[in-house]
Amino acid sequence: MITANELKRGWRVEIEDDPYLVMAVQVQSPSARGASTLVKAKVRNLRTGNVFDRTFKASDKILEAQIELRPVQYLYNDGDGYHFMDTGSYEQFTLSADALGDDAGYLTEGLAGTRSVVFKGAVMNVELPQSVVLKIRETDPAVKGATAHAQTKPATLETGLVIQVPAYLESGETVQVDTTEGRFMARVKS
């Protein structure tokens, strides 16, 4: 068990019998005598994907979530759900589009480097690699003279995900995308 003032970004905690990922932490010192220090945390429910702001007193006790991360490989989407295989046991499991949320836009068949989040014996969600490589399916034509920092334009990637890319990129090119922020990182040479 930890106290709220020990919380750090990236930690997994258990709140009301659900696992949460701590996305951001802010400590607020009291302005009045006798007031207690408050810890404001932005947390994401690992079961539902919902994001909440939670406020704790610095002395509040919080359970560390007993999470197991197992390497998995994304197989396919059949309309009913997204199918994955545990690369250690070869067991397959399915997650719904609701459970995956925006993460579904980064999945391509055979994607490795993904890990399942297992809490109390059940797969709650998956944890994506830091970045993925995707092909631009559709975007506006390249602008002559555009530089990497000058302008951006929307691009639809092979998974249907839409991100902002530099104006010099064209359809058919391959890009590296940051999965935590959903932003363009680099052009990938073929």
N, C-alpha and C. Protein backbone atom coordinates (compact mmCIF):
# COMPACT_ATOMS: atom_id res chain seq x y z
N MET A 1 0.85 -1.17 0.00
CA MET A 1 0.00 0.00 0.00
C MET A 1 0.90 1.24 0.00
N ILE A 2 0.48 2.25 -0.74
CA ILE A 2 1.25 3.50 -0.81
C ILE A 2 0.36 4.65 -0.36
N THR A 3 0.99 5.77 -0.03
CA THR A 3 0.21 6.96 0.29
C THR A 3 0.06 7.79 -0.98
N ALA A 4 -0.97 8.60 -1.02
CA ALA A 4 -1.28 9.38 -2.22
C ALA A 4 -0.14 10.31 -2.63
N ASN A 5 0.61 10.83 -1.66
CA ASN A 5 1.70 11.75 -2.02
C ASN A 5 2.87 11.03 -2.67
N GLU A 6 2.86 9.70 -2.70
CA GLU A 6 3.91 8.93 -3.38
C GLU A 6 3.56 8.61 -4.84
N LEU A 7 2.33 8.92 -5.27
CA LEU A 7 1.89 8.58 -6.63
C LEU A 7 2.81 9.18 -7.68
N LYS A 8 3.05 8.41 -8.73
CA LYS A 8 3.87 8.87 -9.85
C LYS A 8 3.18 8.49 -11.16
N ARG A 9 3.46 9.26 -12.18
CA ARG A 9 2.92 9.00 -13.52
C ARG A 9 3.38 7.61 -13.97
N GLY A 10 2.45 6.84 -14.55
CA GLY A 10 2.77 5.52 -15.07
C GLY A 10 2.50 4.38 -14.08
N TRP A 11 2.24 4.71 -12.81
CA TRP A 11 1.94 3.67 -11.83
C TRP A 11 0.54 3.14 -12.04
N ARG A 12 0.35 1.89 -11.65
CA ARG A 12 -0.97 1.26 -11.73
C ARG A 12 -1.48 1.06 -10.31
N VAL A 13 -2.67 1.57 -10.06
CA VAL A 13 -3.26 1.50 -8.72
C VAL A 13 -4.65 0.89 -8.79
N GLU A 14 -5.14 0.43 -7.63
CA GLU A 14 -6.47 -0.15 -7.55
C GLU A 14 -7.37 0.80 -6.77
N ILE A 15 -8.45 1.23 -7.40
CA ILE A 15 -9.42 2.12 -6.77
C ILE A 15 -10.79 1.47 -6.94
N GLU A 16 -11.48 1.24 -5.83
CA GLU A 16 -12.81 0.63 -5.86
C GLU A 16 -12.84 -0.66 -6.67
N ASP A 17 -11.87 -1.53 -6.44
CA ASP A 17 -11.75 -2.85 -7.08
C ASP A 17 -11.52 -2.81 -8.59
N ASP A 18 -11.10 -1.70 -9.15
CA ASP A 18 -10.75 -1.61 -10.57
C ASP A 18 -9.31 -1.13 -10.70
N PRO A 19 -8.59 -1.61 -11.73
CA PRO A 19 -7.22 -1.14 -11.94
C PRO A 19 -7.21 0.17 -12.72
N TYR A 20 -6.35 1.08 -12.33
CA TYR A 20 -6.21 2.38 -13.00
C TYR A 20 -4.75 2.65 -13.31
N LEU A 21 -4.52 3.36 -14.40
CA LEU A 21 -3.19 3.84 -14.76
C LEU A 21 -3.13 5.32 -14.42
N VAL A 22 -2.11 5.74 -13.67
CA VAL A 22 -1.94 7.14 -13.32
C VAL A 22 -1.30 7.85 -14.51
N MET A 23 -2.03 8.82 -15.09
CA MET A 23 -1.55 9.53 -16.28
C MET A 23 -0.85 10.84 -15.93
N ALA A 24 -1.26 11.49 -14.86
CA ALA A 24 -0.64 12.75 -14.44
C ALA A 24 -0.92 12.94 -12.95
N VAL A 25 0.02 13.61 -12.27
CA VAL A 25 -0.12 13.87 -10.84
C VAL A 25 0.23 15.33 -10.58
N GLN A 26 -0.60 15.98 -9.76
CA GLN A 26 -0.35 17.36 -9.37
C GLN A 26 -0.59 17.47 -7.86
N VAL A 27 0.38 18.05 -7.16
CA VAL A 27 0.26 18.20 -5.70
C VAL A 27 -0.10 19.65 -5.41
N GLN A 28 -1.14 19.84 -4.60
CA GLN A 28 -1.59 21.17 -4.22
C GLN A 28 -1.34 21.38 -2.74
N SER A 29 -0.48 22.34 -2.43
CA SER A 29 -0.19 22.65 -1.03
C SER A 29 -1.31 23.51 -0.47
N PRO A 30 -1.59 23.35 0.80
CA PRO A 30 -2.68 24.13 1.40
C PRO A 30 -2.31 25.60 1.55
N SER A 31 -3.30 26.46 1.44
CA SER A 31 -3.06 27.89 1.62
C SER A 31 -3.50 28.34 3.00
N ALA A 32 -4.29 27.52 3.67
CA ALA A 32 -4.76 27.88 5.00
C ALA A 32 -4.14 26.95 6.04
N ARG A 33 -4.03 27.43 7.24
CA ARG A 33 -3.48 26.60 8.32
C ARG A 33 -4.43 25.45 8.59
N GLY A 34 -3.85 24.33 8.85
CA GLY A 34 -4.66 23.17 9.19
C GLY A 34 -5.22 22.41 8.01
N ALA A 35 -5.12 22.99 6.82
CA ALA A 35 -5.62 22.29 5.63
C ALA A 35 -4.61 21.23 5.22
N SER A 36 -5.09 20.15 4.64
CA SER A 36 -4.17 19.08 4.24
C SER A 36 -3.78 19.22 2.78
N THR A 37 -2.61 18.72 2.46
CA THR A 37 -2.11 18.74 1.09
C THR A 37 -2.99 17.81 0.25
N LEU A 38 -3.35 18.27 -0.95
CA LEU A 38 -4.17 17.48 -1.86
C LEU A 38 -3.33 16.97 -3.02
N VAL A 39 -3.62 15.75 -3.44
CA VAL A 39 -2.96 15.16 -4.60
C VAL A 39 -4.04 14.95 -5.65
N LYS A 40 -3.90 15.65 -6.78
CA LYS A 40 -4.86 15.49 -7.88
C LYS A 40 -4.21 14.58 -8.93
N ALA A 41 -4.92 13.53 -9.28
CA ALA A 41 -4.40 12.56 -10.24
C ALA A 41 -5.38 12.38 -11.39
N LYS A 42 -4.83 12.33 -12.59
CA LYS A 42 -5.63 11.98 -13.77
C LYS A 42 -5.38 10.50 -13.99
N VAL A 43 -6.44 9.69 -13.93
CA VAL A 43 -6.30 8.25 -14.02
C VAL A 43 -7.19 7.69 -15.13
N ARG A 44 -6.71 6.58 -15.73
CA ARG A 44 -7.49 5.89 -16.77
C ARG A 44 -7.83 4.50 -16.27
N ASN A 45 -9.11 4.17 -16.31
CA ASN A 45 -9.58 2.85 -15.91
C ASN A 45 -9.09 1.85 -16.95
N LEU A 46 -8.33 0.84 -16.52
CA LEU A 46 -7.77 -0.13 -17.46
C LEU A 46 -8.81 -1.12 -17.96
N ARG A 47 -9.95 -1.20 -17.31
CA ARG A 47 -11.02 -2.10 -17.76
C ARG A 47 -11.90 -1.43 -18.80
N THR A 48 -12.28 -0.16 -18.54
CA THR A 48 -13.21 0.54 -19.43
C THR A 48 -12.54 1.53 -20.36
N GLY A 49 -11.34 2.00 -20.00
CA GLY A 49 -10.66 3.01 -20.81
C GLY A 49 -11.07 4.43 -20.47
N ASN A 50 -12.04 4.61 -19.56
CA ASN A 50 -12.49 5.95 -19.19
C ASN A 50 -11.43 6.68 -18.38
N VAL A 51 -11.34 8.00 -18.59
CA VAL A 51 -10.37 8.83 -17.89
C VAL A 51 -11.10 9.68 -16.86
N PHE A 52 -10.55 9.73 -15.66
CA PHE A 52 -11.14 10.48 -14.56
C PHE A 52 -10.09 11.35 -13.88
N ASP A 53 -10.55 12.41 -13.21
CA ASP A 53 -9.71 13.18 -12.31
C ASP A 53 -10.11 12.77 -10.91
N ARG A 54 -9.15 12.36 -10.11
CA ARG A 54 -9.41 11.96 -8.73
C ARG A 54 -8.57 12.83 -7.80
N THR A 55 -9.14 13.22 -6.68
CA THR A 55 -8.43 14.03 -5.69
C THR A 55 -8.31 13.22 -4.40
N PHE A 56 -7.10 13.17 -3.86
CA PHE A 56 -6.82 12.44 -2.63
C PHE A 56 -6.17 13.38 -1.63
N LYS A 57 -6.33 13.09 -0.34
CA LYS A 57 -5.52 13.74 0.68
C LYS A 57 -4.16 13.07 0.62
N ALA A 58 -3.10 13.82 0.91
CA ALA A 58 -1.75 13.28 0.81
C ALA A 58 -1.55 12.03 1.65
N SER A 59 -2.28 11.90 2.75
CA SER A 59 -2.11 10.76 3.65
C SER A 59 -3.00 9.56 3.29
N ASP A 60 -3.89 9.69 2.30
CA ASP A 60 -4.76 8.58 1.90
C ASP A 60 -3.93 7.39 1.44
N LYS A 61 -4.38 6.20 1.82
CA LYS A 61 -3.71 4.96 1.42
C LYS A 61 -4.34 4.44 0.13
N ILE A 62 -3.48 4.02 -0.80
CA ILE A 62 -3.93 3.53 -2.10
C ILE A 62 -3.25 2.19 -2.36
N LEU A 63 -4.04 1.23 -2.85
CA LEU A 63 -3.50 -0.09 -3.18
C LEU A 63 -2.78 -0.05 -4.53
N GLU A 64 -1.64 -0.71 -4.61
CA GLU A 64 -1.00 -0.91 -5.90
C GLU A 64 -1.73 -2.06 -6.59
N ALA A 65 -2.10 -1.87 -7.85
CA ALA A 65 -2.82 -2.91 -8.58
C ALA A 65 -1.88 -4.06 -8.91
N GLN A 66 -2.34 -5.26 -8.68
CA GLN A 66 -1.55 -6.45 -8.99
C GLN A 66 -1.82 -6.81 -10.46
N ILE A 67 -1.08 -6.15 -11.34
CA ILE A 67 -1.24 -6.29 -12.79
C ILE A 67 -0.16 -7.21 -13.33
N GLU A 68 -0.54 -8.05 -14.26
CA GLU A 68 0.42 -8.88 -14.97
C GLU A 68 0.39 -8.46 -16.44
N LEU A 69 1.55 -8.20 -17.01
CA LEU A 69 1.65 -7.84 -18.42
C LEU A 69 2.22 -9.03 -19.18
N ARG A 70 1.48 -9.50 -20.18
CA ARG A 70 1.91 -10.65 -20.97
C ARG A 70 2.05 -10.24 -22.43
N PRO A 71 3.11 -10.68 -23.10
CA PRO A 71 3.26 -10.34 -24.52
C PRO A 71 2.17 -11.00 -25.37
N VAL A 72 1.56 -10.20 -26.25
CA VAL A 72 0.51 -10.71 -27.14
C VAL A 72 0.76 -10.20 -28.56
N GLN A 73 0.11 -10.83 -29.50
CA GLN A 73 0.17 -10.41 -30.89
C GLN A 73 -1.25 -10.18 -31.38
N TYR A 74 -1.45 -9.05 -32.07
CA TYR A 74 -2.77 -8.77 -32.65
C TYR A 74 -2.94 -9.62 -33.89
N LEU A 75 -4.09 -10.30 -34.00
CA LEU A 75 -4.34 -11.19 -35.13
C LEU A 75 -5.25 -10.55 -36.18
N TYR A 76 -6.49 -10.23 -35.80
CA TYR A 76 -7.44 -9.70 -36.79
C TYR A 76 -8.67 -9.13 -36.09
N ASN A 77 -9.50 -8.41 -36.88
CA ASN A 77 -10.78 -7.88 -36.43
C ASN A 77 -11.84 -8.51 -37.32
N ASP A 78 -12.83 -9.15 -36.72
CA ASP A 78 -13.88 -9.79 -37.52
C ASP A 78 -15.23 -9.08 -37.44
N GLY A 79 -15.25 -7.86 -36.93
CA GLY A 79 -16.50 -7.14 -36.79
C GLY A 79 -17.12 -7.33 -35.41
N ASP A 80 -16.91 -8.52 -34.82
CA ASP A 80 -17.42 -8.78 -33.47
C ASP A 80 -16.43 -8.32 -32.40
N GLY A 81 -15.16 -8.23 -32.78
CA GLY A 81 -14.13 -7.82 -31.82
C GLY A 81 -12.74 -7.96 -32.40
N TYR A 82 -11.78 -7.57 -31.60
CA TYR A 82 -10.37 -7.62 -31.99
C TYR A 82 -9.74 -8.84 -31.32
N HIS A 83 -9.13 -9.70 -32.14
CA HIS A 83 -8.60 -10.97 -31.65
C HIS A 83 -7.09 -10.87 -31.45
N PHE A 84 -6.64 -11.38 -30.30
CA PHE A 84 -5.23 -11.37 -29.91
C PHE A 84 -4.82 -12.78 -29.51
N MET A 85 -3.50 -13.03 -29.56
CA MET A 85 -2.96 -14.31 -29.11
C MET A 85 -1.85 -14.05 -28.11
N ASP A 86 -1.92 -14.72 -26.96
CA ASP A 86 -0.86 -14.66 -25.96
C ASP A 86 0.32 -15.44 -26.54
N THR A 87 1.47 -14.77 -26.73
CA THR A 87 2.60 -15.43 -27.39
C THR A 87 3.31 -16.44 -26.49
N GLY A 88 2.99 -16.46 -25.21
CA GLY A 88 3.59 -17.45 -24.31
C GLY A 88 2.77 -18.73 -24.25
N SER A 89 1.45 -18.60 -24.10
CA SER A 89 0.58 -19.77 -23.95
C SER A 89 -0.17 -20.12 -25.23
N TYR A 90 -0.13 -19.25 -26.23
CA TYR A 90 -0.85 -19.41 -27.50
C TYR A 90 -2.36 -19.40 -27.34
N GLU A 91 -2.85 -18.93 -26.20
CA GLU A 91 -4.29 -18.79 -25.99
C GLU A 91 -4.76 -17.53 -26.70
N GLN A 92 -5.97 -17.58 -27.27
CA GLN A 92 -6.52 -16.41 -27.95
C GLN A 92 -7.63 -15.79 -27.11
N PHE A 93 -7.76 -14.47 -27.23
CA PHE A 93 -8.84 -13.76 -26.55
C PHE A 93 -9.31 -12.63 -27.44
N THR A 94 -10.49 -12.13 -27.17
CA THR A 94 -11.11 -11.08 -27.97
C THR A 94 -11.46 -9.90 -27.08
N LEU A 95 -11.20 -8.69 -27.58
CA LEU A 95 -11.60 -7.46 -26.90
C LEU A 95 -12.54 -6.69 -27.82
N SER A 96 -13.53 -6.04 -27.24
CA SER A 96 -14.47 -5.26 -28.03
C SER A 96 -13.86 -3.92 -28.42
N ALA A 97 -14.47 -3.28 -29.40
CA ALA A 97 -14.01 -1.95 -29.84
C ALA A 97 -14.16 -0.95 -28.70
N ASP A 98 -15.21 -1.10 -27.88
CA ASP A 98 -15.40 -0.21 -26.73
C ASP A 98 -14.28 -0.36 -25.72
N ALA A 99 -13.84 -1.60 -25.47
CA ALA A 99 -12.77 -1.84 -24.51
C ALA A 99 -11.45 -1.24 -25.00
N LEU A 100 -11.20 -1.32 -26.30
CA LEU A 100 -9.95 -0.79 -26.85
C LEU A 100 -9.97 0.73 -27.02
N GLY A 101 -11.14 1.28 -27.32
CA GLY A 101 -11.24 2.72 -27.53
C GLY A 101 -10.39 3.19 -28.70
N ASP A 102 -9.65 4.28 -28.52
CA ASP A 102 -8.83 4.85 -29.59
C ASP A 102 -7.64 3.95 -29.96
N ASP A 103 -7.25 3.04 -29.07
CA ASP A 103 -6.11 2.16 -29.35
C ASP A 103 -6.36 1.28 -30.57
N ALA A 104 -7.61 1.03 -30.92
CA ALA A 104 -7.93 0.19 -32.08
C ALA A 104 -7.36 0.79 -33.37
N GLY A 105 -7.21 2.10 -33.44
CA GLY A 105 -6.69 2.76 -34.63
C GLY A 105 -5.21 2.53 -34.89
N TYR A 106 -4.52 1.88 -33.97
CA TYR A 106 -3.09 1.62 -34.14
C TYR A 106 -2.80 0.16 -34.45
N LEU A 107 -3.83 -0.69 -34.47
CA LEU A 107 -3.63 -2.12 -34.64
C LEU A 107 -3.58 -2.54 -36.10
N THR A 108 -2.53 -3.26 -36.45
CA THR A 108 -2.40 -3.87 -37.77
C THR A 108 -2.12 -5.36 -37.56
N GLU A 109 -2.56 -6.19 -38.49
CA GLU A 109 -2.37 -7.63 -38.34
C GLU A 109 -0.91 -7.97 -38.13
N GLY A 110 -0.67 -8.82 -37.12
CA GLY A 110 0.69 -9.25 -36.82
C GLY A 110 1.47 -8.29 -35.94
N LEU A 111 0.83 -7.21 -35.48
CA LEU A 111 1.53 -6.22 -34.65
C LEU A 111 2.09 -6.88 -33.40
N ALA A 112 3.41 -6.80 -33.26
CA ALA A 112 4.08 -7.35 -32.08
C ALA A 112 4.44 -6.20 -31.15
N GLY A 113 4.93 -6.54 -29.96
CA GLY A 113 5.31 -5.51 -29.00
C GLY A 113 4.14 -5.04 -28.15
N THR A 114 3.00 -5.68 -28.31
CA THR A 114 1.81 -5.35 -27.55
C THR A 114 1.74 -6.29 -26.34
N ARG A 115 1.24 -5.77 -25.23
CA ARG A 115 1.12 -6.61 -24.03
C ARG A 115 -0.31 -6.55 -23.50
N SER A 116 -0.80 -7.70 -23.02
CA SER A 116 -2.12 -7.72 -22.41
C SER A 116 -1.99 -7.30 -20.95
N VAL A 117 -3.02 -6.59 -20.47
CA VAL A 117 -3.08 -6.17 -19.07
C VAL A 117 -4.02 -7.13 -18.36
N VAL A 118 -3.45 -7.98 -17.49
CA VAL A 118 -4.23 -9.00 -16.80
C VAL A 118 -4.38 -8.60 -15.33
N PHE A 119 -5.65 -8.52 -14.88
CA PHE A 119 -5.97 -8.13 -13.51
C PHE A 119 -6.90 -9.18 -12.92
N LYS A 120 -6.49 -9.80 -11.85
CA LYS A 120 -7.26 -10.85 -11.18
C LYS A 120 -7.66 -11.96 -12.15
N GLY A 121 -6.71 -12.37 -13.01
CA GLY A 121 -6.90 -13.48 -13.92
C GLY A 121 -7.66 -13.18 -15.20
N ALA A 122 -8.13 -11.94 -15.37
CA ALA A 122 -8.89 -11.58 -16.58
C ALA A 122 -8.15 -10.50 -17.37
N VAL A 123 -8.19 -10.63 -18.71
CA VAL A 123 -7.57 -9.62 -19.57
C VAL A 123 -8.46 -8.38 -19.57
N MET A 124 -7.90 -7.26 -19.13
CA MET A 124 -8.66 -6.01 -19.05
C MET A 124 -8.54 -5.20 -20.35
N ASN A 125 -7.33 -5.18 -20.90
CA ASN A 125 -7.05 -4.34 -22.04
C ASN A 125 -5.69 -4.74 -22.60
N VAL A 126 -5.20 -3.97 -23.56
CA VAL A 126 -3.85 -4.18 -24.07
C VAL A 126 -3.05 -2.89 -23.94
N GLU A 127 -1.76 -3.05 -23.85
CA GLU A 127 -0.84 -1.93 -23.80
C GLU A 127 -0.05 -1.93 -25.11
N LEU A 128 -0.17 -0.86 -25.87
CA LEU A 128 0.47 -0.77 -27.18
C LEU A 128 1.96 -0.45 -27.05
N PRO A 129 2.75 -0.74 -28.11
CA PRO A 129 4.13 -0.26 -28.10
C PRO A 129 4.14 1.27 -28.15
N GLN A 130 5.26 1.89 -27.82
CA GLN A 130 5.37 3.35 -27.79
C GLN A 130 5.03 3.98 -29.15
N SER A 131 5.42 3.29 -30.23
CA SER A 131 5.11 3.81 -31.56
C SER A 131 4.83 2.65 -32.51
N VAL A 132 4.09 2.96 -33.59
CA VAL A 132 3.80 1.97 -34.63
C VAL A 132 4.07 2.60 -35.99
N VAL A 133 4.28 1.75 -36.98
CA VAL A 133 4.52 2.20 -38.35
C VAL A 133 3.27 1.90 -39.17
N LEU A 134 2.69 2.96 -39.77
CA LEU A 134 1.48 2.82 -40.56
C LEU A 134 1.62 3.53 -41.90
N LYS A 135 0.86 3.06 -42.88
CA LYS A 135 0.89 3.65 -44.22
C LYS A 135 -0.22 4.68 -44.36
N ILE A 136 0.09 5.79 -45.05
CA ILE A 136 -0.92 6.81 -45.31
C ILE A 136 -1.80 6.32 -46.46
N ARG A 137 -3.10 6.17 -46.17
CA ARG A 137 -4.04 5.71 -47.18
C ARG A 137 -4.52 6.88 -48.05
N GLU A 138 -4.77 8.03 -47.41
CA GLU A 138 -5.32 9.17 -48.15
C GLU A 138 -4.92 10.48 -47.47
N THR A 139 -4.47 11.42 -48.28
CA THR A 139 -4.18 12.77 -47.80
C THR A 139 -4.18 13.72 -48.99
N ASP A 140 -4.21 15.01 -48.73
CA ASP A 140 -4.16 15.99 -49.80
C ASP A 140 -2.81 15.90 -50.51
N PRO A 141 -2.73 16.36 -51.76
CA PRO A 141 -1.45 16.33 -52.47
C PRO A 141 -0.38 17.14 -51.72
N ALA A 142 0.89 16.76 -51.95
CA ALA A 142 2.01 17.45 -51.32
C ALA A 142 2.06 18.90 -51.78
N VAL A 143 2.48 19.76 -50.88
CA VAL A 143 2.61 21.18 -51.19
C VAL A 143 4.07 21.46 -51.51
N LYS A 144 4.35 22.05 -52.67
CA LYS A 144 5.73 22.34 -53.05
C LYS A 144 6.31 23.38 -52.09
N GLY A 145 7.55 23.12 -51.67
CA GLY A 145 8.24 24.07 -50.81
C GLY A 145 7.87 23.94 -49.34
N ALA A 146 7.04 23.00 -49.01
CA ALA A 146 6.65 22.82 -47.60
C ALA A 146 7.80 22.19 -46.83
N THR A 147 8.03 22.65 -45.62
CA THR A 147 9.07 22.08 -44.78
C THR A 147 8.41 21.32 -43.63
N ALA A 148 9.21 20.60 -42.89
CA ALA A 148 8.66 19.77 -41.81
C ALA A 148 7.96 20.59 -40.74
N HIS A 149 8.37 21.83 -40.52
CA HIS A 149 7.79 22.61 -39.44
C HIS A 149 6.79 23.66 -39.92
N ALA A 150 6.65 23.84 -41.20
CA ALA A 150 5.81 24.93 -41.70
C ALA A 150 4.32 24.64 -41.58
N GLN A 151 3.85 23.55 -42.17
CA GLN A 151 2.42 23.31 -42.24
C GLN A 151 2.12 21.83 -42.01
N THR A 152 0.90 21.57 -41.54
CA THR A 152 0.45 20.18 -41.43
C THR A 152 -0.90 20.04 -42.13
N LYS A 153 -1.26 18.79 -42.39
CA LYS A 153 -2.54 18.50 -43.02
C LYS A 153 -3.04 17.17 -42.47
N PRO A 154 -4.35 16.93 -42.51
CA PRO A 154 -4.86 15.64 -42.03
C PRO A 154 -4.54 14.52 -43.00
N ALA A 155 -4.25 13.34 -42.44
CA ALA A 155 -3.99 12.16 -43.26
C ALA A 155 -4.73 10.98 -42.65
N THR A 156 -5.40 10.20 -43.49
CA THR A 156 -6.07 8.99 -43.05
C THR A 156 -5.11 7.83 -43.23
N LEU A 157 -4.84 7.10 -42.15
CA LEU A 157 -3.91 5.99 -42.20
C LEU A 157 -4.62 4.69 -42.57
N GLU A 158 -3.87 3.63 -42.80
CA GLU A 158 -4.43 2.35 -43.26
C GLU A 158 -5.45 1.75 -42.30
N THR A 159 -5.40 2.13 -41.03
CA THR A 159 -6.34 1.60 -40.04
C THR A 159 -7.59 2.47 -39.89
N GLY A 160 -7.61 3.61 -40.59
CA GLY A 160 -8.73 4.54 -40.48
C GLY A 160 -8.45 5.69 -39.53
N LEU A 161 -7.36 5.61 -38.80
CA LEU A 161 -6.96 6.66 -37.87
C LEU A 161 -6.58 7.92 -38.66
N VAL A 162 -6.99 9.09 -38.18
CA VAL A 162 -6.65 10.36 -38.83
C VAL A 162 -5.71 11.13 -37.92
N ILE A 163 -4.55 11.51 -38.46
CA ILE A 163 -3.58 12.31 -37.71
C ILE A 163 -3.11 13.48 -38.56
N GLN A 164 -2.45 14.44 -37.95
CA GLN A 164 -1.85 15.55 -38.67
C GLN A 164 -0.43 15.16 -39.09
N VAL A 165 -0.10 15.38 -40.37
CA VAL A 165 1.23 15.08 -40.89
C VAL A 165 1.78 16.32 -41.59
N PRO A 166 3.10 16.38 -41.77
CA PRO A 166 3.67 17.51 -42.51
C PRO A 166 3.11 17.58 -43.93
N ALA A 167 3.03 18.78 -44.48
CA ALA A 167 2.40 19.01 -45.78
C ALA A 167 3.15 18.36 -46.94
N TYR A 168 4.42 17.99 -46.77
CA TYR A 168 5.18 17.41 -47.86
C TYR A 168 4.91 15.92 -48.07
N LEU A 169 4.20 15.26 -47.16
CA LEU A 169 3.92 13.83 -47.29
C LEU A 169 2.78 13.56 -48.27
N GLU A 170 2.83 12.39 -48.91
CA GLU A 170 1.83 12.01 -49.90
C GLU A 170 1.19 10.67 -49.53
N SER A 171 0.08 10.36 -50.19
CA SER A 171 -0.57 9.06 -50.00
C SER A 171 0.39 7.95 -50.40
N GLY A 172 0.35 6.84 -49.66
CA GLY A 172 1.21 5.71 -49.96
C GLY A 172 2.51 5.71 -49.16
N GLU A 173 2.87 6.83 -48.55
CA GLU A 173 4.09 6.88 -47.75
C GLU A 173 3.84 6.23 -46.39
N THR A 174 4.92 5.83 -45.74
CA THR A 174 4.84 5.17 -44.44
C THR A 174 5.37 6.11 -43.37
N VAL A 175 4.65 6.16 -42.24
CA VAL A 175 5.02 7.07 -41.16
C VAL A 175 5.06 6.33 -39.82
N GLN A 176 5.85 6.87 -38.90
CA GLN A 176 5.90 6.36 -37.53
C GLN A 176 4.99 7.24 -36.69
N VAL A 177 4.10 6.61 -35.90
CA VAL A 177 3.10 7.34 -35.13
C VAL A 177 3.27 7.03 -33.64
N ASP A 178 3.27 8.07 -32.81
CA ASP A 178 3.32 7.93 -31.36
C ASP A 178 1.95 7.47 -30.87
N THR A 179 1.89 6.32 -30.18
CA THR A 179 0.59 5.77 -29.77
C THR A 179 0.02 6.43 -28.52
N THR A 180 0.85 7.10 -27.74
CA THR A 180 0.32 7.74 -26.52
C THR A 180 -0.34 9.08 -26.83
N GLU A 181 0.21 9.81 -27.81
CA GLU A 181 -0.33 11.13 -28.15
C GLU A 181 -1.02 11.18 -29.50
N GLY A 182 -0.91 10.11 -30.28
CA GLY A 182 -1.56 10.06 -31.60
C GLY A 182 -1.01 11.09 -32.55
N ARG A 183 0.31 11.25 -32.56
CA ARG A 183 0.91 12.26 -33.42
C ARG A 183 2.00 11.67 -34.31
N PHE A 184 2.24 12.34 -35.43
CA PHE A 184 3.28 11.98 -36.38
C PHE A 184 4.65 12.11 -35.70
N MET A 185 5.51 11.11 -35.91
CA MET A 185 6.87 11.18 -35.36
C MET A 185 7.92 11.33 -36.46
N ALA A 186 7.80 10.50 -37.51
CA ALA A 186 8.83 10.52 -38.56
C ALA A 186 8.32 9.81 -39.80
N ARG A 187 8.94 10.15 -40.92
CA ARG A 187 8.70 9.43 -42.17
C ARG A 187 9.59 8.20 -42.15
N VAL A 188 9.05 7.05 -42.60
CA VAL A 188 9.81 5.81 -42.62
C VAL A 188 10.16 5.52 -44.07
N LYS A 189 11.45 5.39 -44.33
CA LYS A 189 11.90 5.08 -45.71
C LYS A 189 11.59 3.62 -46.04
N SER A 190 11.08 3.40 -47.23
CA SER A 190 10.72 2.03 -47.64
C SER A 190 11.92 1.28 -48.14
